[in-house]
N, C-alpha and C. Protein backbone atom coordinates (compact mmCIF):
# COMPACT_ATOMS: atom_id res chain seq x y z
N MET A 1 130.05 111.63 59.86
CA MET A 1 130.83 111.54 61.16
C MET A 1 129.08 111.00 61.85
N LYS A 2 129.25 110.69 63.35
CA LYS A 2 129.29 109.82 64.27
C LYS A 2 128.29 111.53 64.90
N THR A 3 127.03 111.25 66.06
CA THR A 3 127.03 112.82 67.04
C THR A 3 128.20 112.32 68.00
N ASN A 4 129.11 111.17 68.13
CA ASN A 4 129.31 110.84 69.69
C ASN A 4 131.42 111.70 68.91
N GLU A 5 131.65 111.75 67.63
CA GLU A 5 133.11 111.78 67.06
C GLU A 5 132.56 113.28 67.34
N LEU A 6 131.35 114.04 66.60
CA LEU A 6 131.14 115.26 66.00
C LEU A 6 131.79 116.37 66.96
N LYS A 7 131.08 115.59 68.88
CA LYS A 7 130.96 116.06 69.91
C LYS A 7 132.55 116.37 70.59
N GLU A 8 133.95 115.11 70.65
CA GLU A 8 134.91 115.02 70.78
C GLU A 8 135.79 116.73 70.03
N LEU A 9 134.92 117.13 68.53
CA LEU A 9 136.07 117.69 67.84
C LEU A 9 136.31 119.57 68.45
N GLY A 10 136.81 119.94 68.36
CA GLY A 10 136.52 120.98 69.07
C GLY A 10 135.62 122.51 68.20
N ALA A 11 135.41 123.73 68.34
CA ALA A 11 135.10 124.51 68.22
C ALA A 11 135.43 124.98 66.38
N GLU A 12 136.38 125.14 66.34
CA GLU A 12 137.18 125.72 65.46
C GLU A 12 136.92 124.87 64.16
N GLU A 13 137.43 122.71 64.74
CA GLU A 13 137.40 122.01 63.34
C GLU A 13 136.21 121.79 63.24
N LEU A 14 134.85 121.66 64.81
CA LEU A 14 133.72 121.37 63.95
C LEU A 14 133.45 122.54 62.78
N ALA A 15 133.52 124.18 63.41
CA ALA A 15 133.17 125.13 61.95
C ALA A 15 134.04 124.62 60.44
N ALA A 16 135.28 124.41 61.10
CA ALA A 16 136.14 124.30 59.53
C ALA A 16 134.32 123.14 58.37
N LYS A 17 134.99 121.27 59.82
CA LYS A 17 134.05 120.61 58.80
C LYS A 17 132.09 121.59 57.78
N ILE A 18 131.73 122.70 59.30
CA ILE A 18 130.51 122.23 58.50
C ILE A 18 130.38 123.50 57.35
N SER A 19 131.67 124.26 57.28
CA SER A 19 131.63 125.22 55.80
C SER A 19 132.13 124.37 55.35
N ALA A 20 132.47 123.31 54.74
CA ALA A 20 133.49 122.29 53.79
C ALA A 20 131.57 122.00 53.66
N ALA A 21 131.38 121.21 54.55
CA ALA A 21 130.01 120.68 54.13
C ALA A 21 128.58 121.54 53.15
N ARG A 22 128.28 122.74 53.63
CA ARG A 22 128.26 123.64 53.33
C ARG A 22 128.26 123.51 51.71
N LYS A 23 129.72 123.88 51.67
CA LYS A 23 130.68 124.20 49.96
C LYS A 23 129.84 122.82 49.03
N GLU A 24 130.80 121.10 49.89
CA GLU A 24 130.04 119.75 49.54
C GLU A 24 128.40 120.30 48.56
N ILE A 25 127.75 120.79 49.14
CA ILE A 25 125.85 121.16 49.26
C ILE A 25 126.23 121.61 47.37
N ALA A 26 126.79 122.47 48.57
CA ALA A 26 126.00 123.54 47.37
C ALA A 26 126.81 122.46 45.59
N ASP A 27 128.22 122.55 45.67
CA ASP A 27 128.87 121.74 44.85
C ASP A 27 128.02 120.71 43.70
N LEU A 28 127.46 120.24 45.16
CA LEU A 28 126.86 118.87 44.43
C LEU A 28 125.15 119.72 44.19
N LYS A 29 124.75 120.81 44.51
CA LYS A 29 123.40 121.45 43.49
C LYS A 29 123.44 121.39 42.27
N LEU A 30 124.65 122.28 42.31
CA LEU A 30 125.36 122.72 40.82
C LEU A 30 125.25 121.98 39.73
N LYS A 31 125.98 120.42 39.99
CA LYS A 31 126.30 120.18 39.32
C LYS A 31 124.55 119.58 38.69
N LEU A 32 123.62 118.84 39.42
CA LEU A 32 122.19 118.62 39.50
C LEU A 32 121.27 119.86 38.61
N ALA A 33 121.93 121.01 38.95
CA ALA A 33 121.10 121.64 38.84
C ALA A 33 121.73 121.92 36.72
N SER A 34 122.73 121.38 36.58
CA SER A 34 123.28 121.85 35.16
C SER A 34 123.40 120.69 34.71
N LYS A 35 122.63 119.89 35.20
CA LYS A 35 122.66 118.84 34.23
C LYS A 35 123.47 117.84 33.59
N VAL A 36 124.76 117.39 35.05
CA VAL A 36 126.04 116.61 35.03
C VAL A 36 125.44 115.57 35.51
N ASP A 37 125.81 114.86 34.79
CA ASP A 37 125.99 113.25 36.45
C ASP A 37 126.46 113.31 37.23
N VAL A 38 124.99 113.43 37.84
CA VAL A 38 125.93 112.90 39.89
C VAL A 38 125.62 111.17 39.67
N GLU A 39 126.46 110.97 40.96
CA GLU A 39 126.83 109.33 40.98
C GLU A 39 126.09 108.88 41.74
N LYS A 40 125.95 110.00 42.74
CA LYS A 40 125.07 109.89 44.05
C LYS A 40 123.68 110.32 43.56
N PRO A 41 122.49 110.83 43.20
CA PRO A 41 121.80 111.86 43.89
C PRO A 41 120.78 111.99 44.73
N GLY A 42 121.09 111.27 45.57
CA GLY A 42 120.22 110.59 47.16
C GLY A 42 121.88 111.57 48.09
N GLN A 43 123.08 111.78 47.59
CA GLN A 43 123.75 112.17 48.59
C GLN A 43 123.40 112.93 48.49
N ILE A 44 123.64 114.05 47.81
CA ILE A 44 122.15 115.83 48.28
C ILE A 44 121.73 115.61 49.90
N SER A 45 120.52 114.78 50.35
CA SER A 45 119.78 114.38 51.08
C SER A 45 120.70 113.83 52.87
N GLN A 46 121.61 112.78 52.34
CA GLN A 46 122.78 112.98 53.17
C GLN A 46 123.71 113.62 53.62
N LYS A 47 124.02 114.24 52.75
CA LYS A 47 124.95 115.79 53.63
C LYS A 47 125.02 115.88 53.84
N ARG A 48 122.80 116.70 53.73
CA ARG A 48 122.10 117.56 54.75
C ARG A 48 121.65 117.34 55.63
N HIS A 49 121.61 115.86 56.05
CA HIS A 49 122.00 115.60 57.35
C HIS A 49 122.87 115.66 58.42
N GLU A 50 123.91 115.55 57.56
CA GLU A 50 124.91 115.37 57.81
C GLU A 50 125.53 116.66 58.97
N LEU A 51 125.14 118.00 57.63
CA LEU A 51 124.85 119.36 58.03
C LEU A 51 124.33 119.20 59.59
N ALA A 52 122.92 118.63 59.31
CA ALA A 52 121.56 119.52 60.20
C ALA A 52 123.10 118.66 61.29
N ARG A 53 123.05 117.81 61.35
CA ARG A 53 124.06 117.15 62.70
C ARG A 53 124.81 117.62 63.12
N MET A 54 125.59 118.38 62.43
CA MET A 54 127.24 119.54 62.92
C MET A 54 126.16 120.66 63.17
N LEU A 55 125.36 121.37 62.92
CA LEU A 55 124.51 121.83 63.39
C LEU A 55 124.20 122.43 64.69
N THR A 56 124.21 121.23 65.20
CA THR A 56 123.34 120.29 66.26
C THR A 56 124.21 119.97 67.58
N VAL A 57 125.61 120.04 67.07
CA VAL A 57 126.36 120.41 68.23
C VAL A 57 126.33 121.42 68.11
N GLN A 58 126.87 122.37 67.23
CA GLN A 58 127.52 123.26 67.48
C GLN A 58 126.98 124.74 68.53
N ALA A 59 125.61 123.72 68.41
CA ALA A 59 124.28 124.65 68.99
C ALA A 59 124.74 124.13 70.32
N GLN A 60 124.61 122.68 70.86
CA GLN A 60 124.81 122.52 71.68
C GLN A 60 126.58 123.14 72.68
N LEU A 61 127.08 123.50 71.97
CA LEU A 61 128.54 123.56 72.78
C LEU A 61 127.88 124.86 72.74
N ASN A 62 127.53 125.58 72.05
CA ASN A 62 127.40 127.30 72.11
C ASN A 62 126.63 127.21 73.27
N LYS A 63 125.71 126.14 73.66
CA LYS A 63 124.45 126.98 74.89
C LYS A 63 125.47 126.63 76.04
N GLU A 64 126.77 125.23 75.83
CA GLU A 64 126.89 125.38 77.23
C GLU A 64 127.95 125.26 77.36
N ALA A 65 129.02 127.06 77.19
CA ALA A 65 129.48 127.28 76.72
C ALA A 65 129.31 128.17 77.62
N LYS A 66 127.73 128.45 77.65
CA LYS A 66 127.55 129.52 78.26
C LYS A 66 127.03 129.76 79.76
């Protein structure tokens, strides 16, 4: 998702997306570690970038709320 789309989400929706992204990254890491064929190994770093973007937007929203 793009940053503008993330800023439009509510705090609860954003938190849900963050937890889902963390779970997805953990699942991808598990597949990679267990030598299961991962379709796109670069997908882990892409998901980590998306998670970082979500966390940044969440921090900005928390800062504005205070």
